[in-house]
Amino acid sequence: MSKARPDIWFPLYIGDYLADTAHLSTEQSGAYLHLLMHSWKSGPLPSDSDVLRRITRLSEDAWSIAWPMLSGFFKQTNERNLVQPRLEMERAAWGAKKTVSVARARRAAMSRWDKERSSDASSMPQAMLEQCPSPPPPPKDLKDSRQNSHFDGEAFEIEKKEDLGNRSEDREAVKRVFAYYLEKLGKSPTQYALTEKRMRKGLAALRACRRRVGDGACAEEALGAAVDGLLASKWHMGANPSGKLYTEWEKYIVKDIETMEQRWQDGGYNPDVHA
């Protein structure tokens, strides 16, 4: 995840913060904010009590009273580090949004470059390259697998199931999109975890996005666009006869190619434009 300028802003949902910290004194609330801001800028906090005290700028006596009140906000990940779960979710969601912004900027730049290159070539025939041959049609079994099967690693014949998790960057991309999904749907990462099954479905869907729109950030943006499409679908968000939410990751986003296409359509995303 890029750490470009994380020191110039800080996501704070005022209503949530005030509700969660109503039991704190003014001094303790300030100490908590210092810990959150330090973690946002520098990463997981050290579990050393004296270091934490210095971050909060409290005296030893004030710290001895404050920390029992503040410790419940944090989770120990190992012997040396503490994290605030909501902050980590926001960090991952911010990273996903930044990836989308970078992808859009890259596409805009490439579009301008393609236009300029086309203009130059028309005035300089000697610079024209031989036209690339059209790619051969995909094998019949590939087309069938795309049309009729699920994004579960077994259905697609392009890559073996055991290869789905080999690229660490793909797993990180799925984590970012899943964190974005949790944030937008208001789901708790502890209650709705990214299990290995959900990861594998996300990986297969990301690979399908890559084959549709291109590698890297564009594929991640396409997967994120499916999340946006779910949010845009009033029927899935409760405007249906039962009044229920239909928002499960594996059922309504990455289930199969038809589901992905429908989510893109719901959100107004055209993969053919981005390919």
C-alpha atoms as a PDB file:
ATOM      1  CA  MET A   1       0.000   0.000   0.000  1.00  0.00           C
ATOM      2  CA  SER A   2       1.258   3.416  -0.874  1.00  0.00           C
ATOM      3  CA  LYS A   3       2.016   5.733   2.030  1.00  0.00           C
ATOM      4  CA  ALA A   4       1.925   8.942   0.016  1.00  0.00           C
ATOM      5  CA  ARG A   5       1.385  11.875   2.377  1.00  0.00           C
ATOM      6  CA  PRO A   6      -0.510  10.046   5.169  1.00  0.00           C
ATOM      7  CA  ASP A   7       0.488  12.903   7.497  1.00  0.00           C
ATOM      8  CA  ILE A   8      -1.683  15.631   5.986  1.00  0.00           C
ATOM      9  CA  TRP A   9      -5.103  14.214   6.816  1.00  0.00           C
ATOM     10  CA  PHE A  10      -6.774  11.740   9.116  1.00  0.00           C
ATOM     11  CA  PRO A  11     -10.196  10.020   8.692  1.00  0.00           C
ATOM     12  CA  LEU A  12     -12.364  10.799  11.711  1.00  0.00           C
ATOM     13  CA  TYR A  13     -16.058   9.936  11.827  1.00  0.00           C
ATOM     14  CA  ILE A  14     -17.150  12.431  14.453  1.00  0.00           C
ATOM     15  CA  GLY A  15     -20.408  10.748  15.430  1.00  0.00           C
ATOM     16  CA  ASP A  16     -18.761   7.359  15.890  1.00  0.00           C
ATOM     17  CA  TYR A  17     -15.845   8.859  17.791  1.00  0.00           C
ATOM     18  CA  LEU A  18     -18.021  10.798  20.220  1.00  0.00           C
ATOM     19  CA  ALA A  19     -20.219   7.766  20.856  1.00  0.00           C
ATOM     20  CA  ASP A  20     -17.242   5.482  21.491  1.00  0.00           C
ATOM     21  CA  THR A  21     -15.391   7.920  23.759  1.00  0.00           C
ATOM     22  CA  ALA A  22     -18.235   9.375  25.814  1.00  0.00           C
ATOM     23  CA  HIS A  23     -16.785   7.747  28.949  1.00  0.00           C
ATOM     24  CA  LEU A  24     -13.378   9.415  28.541  1.00  0.00           C
ATOM     25  CA  SER A  25     -12.243  12.656  30.119  1.00  0.00           C
ATOM     26  CA  THR A  26     -11.056  15.499  27.929  1.00  0.00           C
ATOM     27  CA  GLU A  27      -7.451  14.610  28.715  1.00  0.00           C
ATOM     28  CA  GLN A  28      -7.992  10.928  27.931  1.00  0.00           C
ATOM     29  CA  SER A  29      -9.772  11.738  24.683  1.00  0.00           C
ATOM     30  CA  GLY A  30      -6.818  13.881  23.606  1.00  0.00           C
ATOM     31  CA  ALA A  31      -4.412  11.088  24.497  1.00  0.00           C
ATOM     32  CA  TYR A  32      -6.468   8.636  22.434  1.00  0.00           C
ATOM     33  CA  LEU A  33      -6.405  10.975  19.431  1.00  0.00           C
ATOM     34  CA  HIS A  34      -2.626  11.270  19.686  1.00  0.00           C
ATOM     35  CA  LEU A  35      -2.332   7.473  19.622  1.00  0.00           C
ATOM     36  CA  LEU A  36      -4.636   7.203  16.617  1.00  0.00           C
ATOM     37  CA  MET A  37      -2.818   9.896  14.664  1.00  0.00           C
ATOM     38  CA  HIS A  38       0.586   8.395  15.456  1.00  0.00           C
ATOM     39  CA  SER A  39      -0.583   4.952  14.320  1.00  0.00           C
ATOM     40  CA  TRP A  40      -2.104   6.365  11.120  1.00  0.00           C
ATOM     41  CA  LYS A  41       1.161   8.046  10.237  1.00  0.00           C
ATOM     42  CA  SER A  42       3.657   5.444  11.437  1.00  0.00           C
ATOM     43  CA  GLY A  43       1.849   2.103  11.554  1.00  0.00           C
ATOM     44  CA  PRO A  44       1.184  -0.277  14.487  1.00  0.00           C
ATOM     45  CA  LEU A  45       1.956   1.132  17.908  1.00  0.00           C
ATOM     46  CA  PRO A  46       4.637  -0.350  20.146  1.00  0.00           C
ATOM     47  CA  SER A  47       3.314  -2.173  23.190  1.00  0.00           C
ATOM     48  CA  ASP A  48       5.896  -0.464  25.403  1.00  0.00           C
ATOM     49  CA  SER A  49       3.924   1.506  27.996  1.00  0.00           C
ATOM     50  CA  ASP A  50       6.496   4.280  28.380  1.00  0.00           C
ATOM     51  CA  VAL A  51       6.692   4.844  24.618  1.00  0.00           C
ATOM     52  CA  LEU A  52       2.917   5.049  24.414  1.00  0.00           C
ATOM     53  CA  ARG A  53       2.882   7.535  27.283  1.00  0.00           C
ATOM     54  CA  ARG A  54       5.348   9.786  25.482  1.00  0.00           C
ATOM     55  CA  ILE A  55       3.211   9.669  22.340  1.00  0.00           C
ATOM     56  CA  THR A  56       0.212  10.880  24.349  1.00  0.00           C
ATOM     57  CA  ARG A  57       2.327  13.547  26.117  1.00  0.00           C
ATOM     58  CA  LEU A  58       0.785  12.651  29.472  1.00  0.00           C
ATOM     59  CA  SER A  59       2.547  12.676  32.807  1.00  0.00           C
ATOM     60  CA  GLU A  60       3.243   9.318  34.428  1.00  0.00           C
ATOM     61  CA  ASP A  61       0.424   9.788  36.943  1.00  0.00           C
ATOM     62  CA  ALA A  62      -2.089  10.816  34.266  1.00  0.00           C
ATOM     63  CA  TRP A  63      -0.983   7.923  32.052  1.00  0.00           C
ATOM     64  CA  SER A  64      -1.468   5.372  34.839  1.00  0.00           C
ATOM     65  CA  ILE A  65      -5.109   6.475  35.014  1.00  0.00           C
ATOM     66  CA  ALA A  66      -5.664   6.908  31.269  1.00  0.00           C
ATOM     67  CA  TRP A  67      -4.236   3.668  29.876  1.00  0.00           C
ATOM     68  CA  PRO A  68      -6.721   1.312  31.603  1.00  0.00           C
ATOM     69  CA  MET A  69      -9.444   3.382  29.918  1.00  0.00           C
ATOM     70  CA  LEU A  70      -7.746   3.403  26.509  1.00  0.00           C
ATOM     71  CA  SER A  71      -6.341  -0.115  26.260  1.00  0.00           C
ATOM     72  CA  GLY A  72      -9.718  -1.578  25.296  1.00  0.00           C
ATOM     73  CA  PHE A  73      -9.625   0.302  21.996  1.00  0.00           C
ATOM     74  CA  PHE A  74      -6.532  -1.583  20.855  1.00  0.00           C
ATOM     75  CA  LYS A  75      -5.729  -5.154  19.897  1.00  0.00           C
ATOM     76  CA  GLN A  76      -2.334  -6.763  20.375  1.00  0.00           C
ATOM     77  CA  THR A  77      -1.154  -8.406  17.153  1.00  0.00           C
ATOM     78  CA  ASN A  78       2.064  -9.830  18.583  1.00  0.00           C
ATOM     79  CA  GLU A  79       4.374  -9.278  21.548  1.00  0.00           C
ATOM     80  CA  ARG A  80       5.511  -5.875  20.290  1.00  0.00           C
ATOM     81  CA  ASN A  81       2.648  -4.239  18.410  1.00  0.00           C
ATOM     82  CA  LEU A  82      -0.818  -2.813  19.043  1.00  0.00           C
ATOM     83  CA  VAL A  83      -3.404  -1.848  16.415  1.00  0.00           C
ATOM     84  CA  GLN A  84      -6.767  -0.147  16.428  1.00  0.00           C
ATOM     85  CA  PRO A  85      -9.019  -2.423  14.265  1.00  0.00           C
ATOM     86  CA  ARG A  86     -11.214   0.363  12.846  1.00  0.00           C
ATOM     87  CA  LEU A  87      -8.158   2.425  11.932  1.00  0.00           C
ATOM     88  CA  GLU A  88      -6.593  -0.524  10.104  1.00  0.00           C
ATOM     89  CA  MET A  89      -9.822  -1.042   8.159  1.00  0.00           C
ATOM     90  CA  GLU A  90      -9.828   2.638   7.165  1.00  0.00           C
ATOM     91  CA  ARG A  91      -6.169   2.409   6.160  1.00  0.00           C
ATOM     92  CA  ALA A  92      -6.909  -0.519   3.843  1.00  0.00           C
ATOM     93  CA  ALA A  93      -9.966   1.217   2.385  1.00  0.00           C
ATOM     94  CA  TRP A  94      -7.941   4.385   1.749  1.00  0.00           C
ATOM     95  CA  GLY A  95      -5.323   2.311  -0.043  1.00  0.00           C
ATOM     96  CA  ALA A  96      -7.997   0.799  -2.281  1.00  0.00           C
ATOM     97  CA  LYS A  97      -9.386   4.251  -3.131  1.00  0.00           C
ATOM     98  CA  LYS A  98      -5.909   5.543  -3.907  1.00  0.00           C
ATOM     99  CA  THR A  99      -5.302   2.599  -6.242  1.00  0.00           C
ATOM    100  CA  VAL A 100      -8.489   3.462  -8.117  1.00  0.00           C
ATOM    101  CA  SER A 101      -7.426   7.111  -8.436  1.00  0.00           C
ATOM    102  CA  VAL A 102      -3.989   6.121  -9.718  1.00  0.00           C
ATOM    103  CA  ALA A 103      -5.590   3.789 -12.277  1.00  0.00           C
ATOM    104  CA  ARG A 104      -7.869   6.536 -13.550  1.00  0.00           C
ATOM    105  CA  ALA A 105      -4.997   8.966 -13.882  1.00  0.00           C
ATOM    106  CA  ARG A 106      -2.934   6.356 -15.697  1.00  0.00           C
ATOM    107  CA  ARG A 107      -5.748   5.640 -18.156  1.00  0.00           C
ATOM    108  CA  ALA A 108      -6.232   9.351 -18.826  1.00  0.00           C
ATOM    109  CA  ALA A 109      -2.522   9.769 -19.513  1.00  0.00           C
ATOM    110  CA  MET A 110      -2.452   6.721 -21.790  1.00  0.00           C
ATOM    111  CA  SER A 111      -5.502   8.007 -23.663  1.00  0.00           C
ATOM    112  CA  ARG A 112      -3.797  11.361 -24.304  1.00  0.00           C
ATOM    113  CA  TRP A 113      -0.621   9.580 -25.366  1.00  0.00           C
ATOM    114  CA  ASP A 114      -2.500   7.319 -27.784  1.00  0.00           C
ATOM    115  CA  LYS A 115      -4.176  10.326 -29.418  1.00  0.00           C
ATOM    116  CA  GLU A 116      -0.880  12.173 -29.779  1.00  0.00           C
ATOM    117  CA  ARG A 117       0.846   9.083 -31.128  1.00  0.00           C
ATOM    118  CA  SER A 118      -1.937   8.524 -33.656  1.00  0.00           C
ATOM    119  CA  SER A 119      -1.708  12.149 -34.800  1.00  0.00           C
ATOM    120  CA  ASP A 120       2.065  11.971 -35.200  1.00  0.00           C
ATOM    121  CA  ALA A 121       1.921   8.731 -37.147  1.00  0.00           C
ATOM    122  CA  SER A 122      -0.600  10.109 -39.644  1.00  0.00           C
ATOM    123  CA  SER A 123       1.781  12.950 -40.525  1.00  0.00           C
ATOM    124  CA  MET A 124       4.843  10.709 -40.561  1.00  0.00           C
ATOM    125  CA  PRO A 125       4.050   7.612 -42.653  1.00  0.00           C
ATOM    126  CA  GLN A 126       7.596   6.363 -42.334  1.00  0.00           C
ATOM    127  CA  ALA A 127       7.061   6.017 -38.600  1.00  0.00           C
ATOM    128  CA  MET A 128       4.052   3.741 -38.920  1.00  0.00           C
ATOM    129  CA  LEU A 129       4.469   0.210 -37.639  1.00  0.00           C
ATOM    130  CA  GLU A 130       3.091  -2.853 -39.306  1.00  0.00           C
ATOM    131  CA  GLN A 131      -0.448  -3.479 -38.120  1.00  0.00           C
ATOM    132  CA  CYS A 132      -0.591  -6.156 -35.473  1.00  0.00           C
ATOM    133  CA  PRO A 133      -2.500  -9.258 -36.537  1.00  0.00           C
ATOM    134  CA  SER A 134      -5.843  -9.871 -34.877  1.00  0.00           C
ATOM    135  CA  PRO A 135      -5.589 -12.318 -31.990  1.00  0.00           C
ATOM    136  CA  PRO A 136      -6.934 -15.803 -32.626  1.00  0.00           C
ATOM    137  CA  PRO A 137     -10.357 -16.594 -31.139  1.00  0.00           C
ATOM    138  CA  PRO A 138     -10.227 -18.166 -27.666  1.00  0.00           C
ATOM    139  CA  PRO A 139     -10.543 -21.937 -27.464  1.00  0.00           C
ATOM    140  CA  LYS A 140     -14.097 -23.210 -27.239  1.00  0.00           C
ATOM    141  CA  ASP A 141     -13.530 -24.680 -23.781  1.00  0.00           C
ATOM    142  CA  LEU A 142     -12.349 -21.257 -22.550  1.00  0.00           C
ATOM    143  CA  LYS A 143     -15.448 -19.501 -23.854  1.00  0.00           C
ATOM    144  CA  ASP A 144     -17.661 -22.135 -22.281  1.00  0.00           C
ATOM    145  CA  SER A 145     -15.914 -21.824 -18.951  1.00  0.00           C
ATOM    146  CA  ARG A 146     -16.348 -18.052 -18.971  1.00  0.00           C
ATOM    147  CA  GLN A 147     -20.032 -18.290 -19.817  1.00  0.00           C
ATOM    148  CA  ASN A 148     -21.140 -21.135 -17.609  1.00  0.00           C
ATOM    149  CA  SER A 149     -18.931 -21.388 -14.571  1.00  0.00           C
ATOM    150  CA  HIS A 150     -18.198 -19.743 -11.251  1.00  0.00           C
ATOM    151  CA  PHE A 151     -15.169 -17.721 -10.239  1.00  0.00           C
ATOM    152  CA  ASP A 152     -14.040 -20.410  -7.813  1.00  0.00           C
ATOM    153  CA  GLY A 153     -10.676 -21.496  -9.203  1.00  0.00           C
ATOM    154  CA  GLU A 154     -12.023 -24.855 -10.390  1.00  0.00           C
ATOM    155  CA  ALA A 155     -14.225 -23.516 -13.178  1.00  0.00           C
ATOM    156  CA  PHE A 156     -11.634 -21.508 -15.110  1.00  0.00           C
ATOM    157  CA  GLU A 157      -9.277 -23.645 -17.127  1.00  0.00           C
ATOM    158  CA  ILE A 158      -6.790 -20.836 -17.779  1.00  0.00           C
ATOM    159  CA  GLU A 159      -4.967 -21.265 -14.498  1.00  0.00           C
ATOM    160  CA  LYS A 160      -4.766 -24.169 -12.122  1.00  0.00           C
ATOM    161  CA  LYS A 161      -6.516 -23.784  -8.812  1.00  0.00           C
ATOM    162  CA  GLU A 162      -3.311 -24.150  -6.832  1.00  0.00           C
ATOM    163  CA  ASP A 163      -1.811 -21.202  -8.738  1.00  0.00           C
ATOM    164  CA  LEU A 164      -4.466 -18.714  -7.619  1.00  0.00           C
ATOM    165  CA  GLY A 165      -2.642 -17.680  -4.449  1.00  0.00           C
ATOM    166  CA  ASN A 166       0.909 -17.585  -5.770  1.00  0.00           C
ATOM    167  CA  ARG A 167       1.049 -13.849  -6.483  1.00  0.00           C
ATOM    168  CA  SER A 168       1.227 -11.926  -3.243  1.00  0.00           C
ATOM    169  CA  GLU A 169       0.275  -8.671  -4.989  1.00  0.00           C
ATOM    170  CA  ASP A 170      -3.020 -10.267  -6.056  1.00  0.00           C
ATOM    171  CA  ARG A 171      -3.805 -11.234  -2.484  1.00  0.00           C
ATOM    172  CA  GLU A 172      -3.043  -7.699  -1.317  1.00  0.00           C
ATOM    173  CA  ALA A 173      -5.323  -6.289  -4.025  1.00  0.00           C
ATOM    174  CA  VAL A 174      -8.184  -8.551  -2.935  1.00  0.00           C
ATOM    175  CA  LYS A 175      -7.588  -7.518   0.690  1.00  0.00           C
ATOM    176  CA  ARG A 176      -7.864  -3.849  -0.259  1.00  0.00           C
ATOM    177  CA  VAL A 177     -11.069  -4.337  -2.227  1.00  0.00           C
ATOM    178  CA  PHE A 178     -12.548  -6.512   0.530  1.00  0.00           C
ATOM    179  CA  ALA A 179     -11.713  -3.818   3.102  1.00  0.00           C
ATOM    180  CA  TYR A 180     -13.418  -1.273   0.841  1.00  0.00           C
ATOM    181  CA  TYR A 181     -16.439  -3.617   0.644  1.00  0.00           C
ATOM    182  CA  LEU A 182     -16.572  -3.911   4.454  1.00  0.00           C
ATOM    183  CA  GLU A 183     -16.336  -0.161   4.900  1.00  0.00           C
ATOM    184  CA  LYS A 184     -19.069   0.642   2.400  1.00  0.00           C
ATOM    185  CA  LEU A 185     -21.427  -2.043   3.711  1.00  0.00           C
ATOM    186  CA  GLY A 186     -20.699  -1.248   7.349  1.00  0.00           C
ATOM    187  CA  LYS A 187     -19.638  -4.811   8.068  1.00  0.00           C
ATOM    188  CA  SER A 188     -17.315  -5.673  10.923  1.00  0.00           C
ATOM    189  CA  PRO A 189     -14.020  -7.315   9.849  1.00  0.00           C
ATOM    190  CA  THR A 190     -14.181  -9.526  12.936  1.00  0.00           C
ATOM    191  CA  GLN A 191     -17.702 -10.743  12.198  1.00  0.00           C
ATOM    192  CA  TYR A 192     -17.333 -10.925   8.408  1.00  0.00           C
ATOM    193  CA  ALA A 193     -13.764 -12.038   7.884  1.00  0.00           C
ATOM    194  CA  LEU A 194     -11.862 -12.550   4.640  1.00  0.00           C
ATOM    195  CA  THR A 195     -11.723 -16.325   4.881  1.00  0.00           C
ATOM    196  CA  GLU A 196      -9.560 -18.360   2.543  1.00  0.00           C
ATOM    197  CA  LYS A 197     -12.657 -19.360   0.582  1.00  0.00           C
ATOM    198  CA  ARG A 198     -13.617 -15.717   0.090  1.00  0.00           C
ATOM    199  CA  MET A 199     -10.018 -14.905  -0.775  1.00  0.00           C
ATOM    200  CA  ARG A 200      -9.911 -17.610  -3.456  1.00  0.00           C
ATOM    201  CA  LYS A 201     -13.122 -16.370  -5.027  1.00  0.00           C
ATOM    202  CA  GLY A 202     -11.752 -12.846  -4.953  1.00  0.00           C
ATOM    203  CA  LEU A 203      -8.500 -13.985  -6.556  1.00  0.00           C
ATOM    204  CA  ALA A 204     -10.315 -15.785  -9.356  1.00  0.00           C
ATOM    205  CA  ALA A 205     -12.513 -12.751  -9.953  1.00  0.00           C
ATOM    206  CA  LEU A 206      -9.445 -10.473  -9.990  1.00  0.00           C
ATOM    207  CA  ARG A 207      -7.806 -12.704 -12.606  1.00  0.00           C
ATOM    208  CA  ALA A 208     -10.975 -12.494 -14.697  1.00  0.00           C
ATOM    209  CA  CYS A 209     -10.920  -8.702 -14.351  1.00  0.00           C
ATOM    210  CA  ARG A 210      -7.304  -8.682 -15.482  1.00  0.00           C
ATOM    211  CA  ARG A 211      -8.160 -10.629 -18.610  1.00  0.00           C
ATOM    212  CA  ARG A 212     -10.981  -8.178 -19.300  1.00  0.00           C
ATOM    213  CA  VAL A 213      -9.461  -4.765 -18.580  1.00  0.00           C
ATOM    214  CA  GLY A 214      -5.716  -5.282 -18.190  1.00  0.00           C
ATOM    215  CA  ASP A 215      -3.173  -5.901 -15.481  1.00  0.00           C
ATOM    216  CA  GLY A 216      -2.423  -4.136 -12.222  1.00  0.00           C
ATOM    217  CA  ALA A 217      -4.505  -1.274 -10.891  1.00  0.00           C
ATOM    218  CA  CYS A 218      -7.065  -1.491 -13.710  1.00  0.00           C
ATOM    219  CA  ALA A 219      -8.028  -5.033 -12.677  1.00  0.00           C
ATOM    220  CA  GLU A 220      -8.284  -3.991  -9.041  1.00  0.00           C
ATOM    221  CA  GLU A 221     -10.456  -1.035 -10.026  1.00  0.00           C
ATOM    222  CA  ALA A 222     -12.780  -3.344 -11.963  1.00  0.00           C
ATOM    223  CA  LEU A 223     -13.188  -5.560  -8.914  1.00  0.00           C
ATOM    224  CA  GLY A 224     -13.888  -2.480  -6.803  1.00  0.00           C
ATOM    225  CA  ALA A 225     -16.407  -1.327  -9.412  1.00  0.00           C
ATOM    226  CA  ALA A 226     -18.396  -4.491  -8.726  1.00  0.00           C
ATOM    227  CA  VAL A 227     -18.634  -3.406  -5.079  1.00  0.00           C
ATOM    228  CA  ASP A 228     -19.833   0.038  -6.197  1.00  0.00           C
ATOM    229  CA  GLY A 229     -22.411  -1.653  -8.413  1.00  0.00           C
ATOM    230  CA  LEU A 230     -23.771  -3.608  -5.466  1.00  0.00           C
ATOM    231  CA  LEU A 231     -24.143  -0.388  -3.499  1.00  0.00           C
ATOM    232  CA  ALA A 232     -25.915   1.215  -6.453  1.00  0.00           C
ATOM    233  CA  SER A 233     -28.444  -1.618  -6.707  1.00  0.00           C
ATOM    234  CA  LYS A 234     -31.468  -0.521  -4.670  1.00  0.00           C
ATOM    235  CA  TRP A 235     -32.879  -4.038  -4.828  1.00  0.00           C
ATOM    236  CA  HIS A 236     -29.799  -5.540  -3.176  1.00  0.00           C
ATOM    237  CA  MET A 237     -29.672  -2.717  -0.630  1.00  0.00           C
ATOM    238  CA  GLY A 238     -33.158  -3.466   0.684  1.00  0.00           C
ATOM    239  CA  ALA A 239     -35.630  -2.016  -1.830  1.00  0.00           C
ATOM    240  CA  ASN A 240     -37.168  -5.434  -2.497  1.00  0.00           C
ATOM    241  CA  PRO A 241     -40.384  -7.137  -1.350  1.00  0.00           C
ATOM    242  CA  SER A 242     -38.678  -8.795   1.621  1.00  0.00           C
ATOM    243  CA  GLY A 243     -36.832  -5.629   2.666  1.00  0.00           C
ATOM    244  CA  LYS A 244     -33.684  -7.705   3.215  1.00  0.00           C
ATOM    245  CA  LEU A 245     -30.116  -6.863   2.248  1.00  0.00           C
ATOM    246  CA  TYR A 246     -28.485  -9.118  -0.319  1.00  0.00           C
ATOM    247  CA  THR A 247     -24.834  -8.148  -0.043  1.00  0.00           C
ATOM    248  CA  GLU A 248     -22.795 -11.328   0.515  1.00  0.00           C
ATOM    249  CA  TRP A 249     -19.351 -11.118  -1.092  1.00  0.00           C
ATOM    250  CA  GLU A 250     -19.328 -14.591  -2.611  1.00  0.00           C
ATOM    251  CA  LYS A 251     -22.975 -14.561  -3.746  1.00  0.00           C
ATOM    252  CA  TYR A 252     -23.530 -11.069  -5.131  1.00  0.00           C
ATOM    253  CA  ILE A 253     -20.095  -9.840  -6.238  1.00  0.00           C
ATOM    254  CA  VAL A 254     -17.640 -12.603  -7.175  1.00  0.00           C
ATOM    255  CA  LYS A 255     -19.991 -15.542  -7.720  1.00  0.00           C
ATOM    256  CA  ASP A 256     -19.630 -15.814 -11.499  1.00  0.00           C
ATOM    257  CA  ILE A 257     -19.120 -13.802 -14.659  1.00  0.00           C
ATOM    258  CA  GLU A 258     -22.816 -12.980 -15.000  1.00  0.00           C
ATOM    259  CA  THR A 259     -22.866 -11.577 -11.466  1.00  0.00           C
ATOM    260  CA  MET A 260     -19.811  -9.417 -12.106  1.00  0.00           C
ATOM    261  CA  GLU A 261     -21.253  -8.116 -15.366  1.00  0.00           C
ATOM    262  CA  GLN A 262     -24.530  -7.285 -13.633  1.00  0.00           C
ATOM    263  CA  ARG A 263     -22.782  -5.389 -10.829  1.00  0.00           C
ATOM    264  CA  TRP A 264     -20.789  -3.377 -13.368  1.00  0.00           C
ATOM    265  CA  GLN A 265     -24.024  -2.553 -15.167  1.00  0.00           C
ATOM    266  CA  ASP A 266     -25.705  -1.551 -11.884  1.00  0.00           C
ATOM    267  CA  GLY A 267     -22.884   0.873 -11.150  1.00  0.00           C
ATOM    268  CA  GLY A 268     -22.521   2.250 -14.667  1.00  0.00           C
ATOM    269  CA  TYR A 269     -19.039   0.779 -15.151  1.00  0.00           C
ATOM    270  CA  ASN A 270     -18.152  -0.289 -18.685  1.00  0.00           C
ATOM    271  CA  PRO A 271     -15.215  -2.746 -18.721  1.00  0.00           C
ATOM    272  CA  ASP A 272     -14.898  -2.453 -22.492  1.00  0.00           C
ATOM    273  CA  VAL A 273     -13.979   1.224 -22.129  1.00  0.00           C
ATOM    274  CA  HIS A 274     -11.228   0.391 -19.677  1.00  0.00           C
ATOM    275  CA  ALA A 275      -9.833  -2.593 -21.555  1.00  0.00           C
END
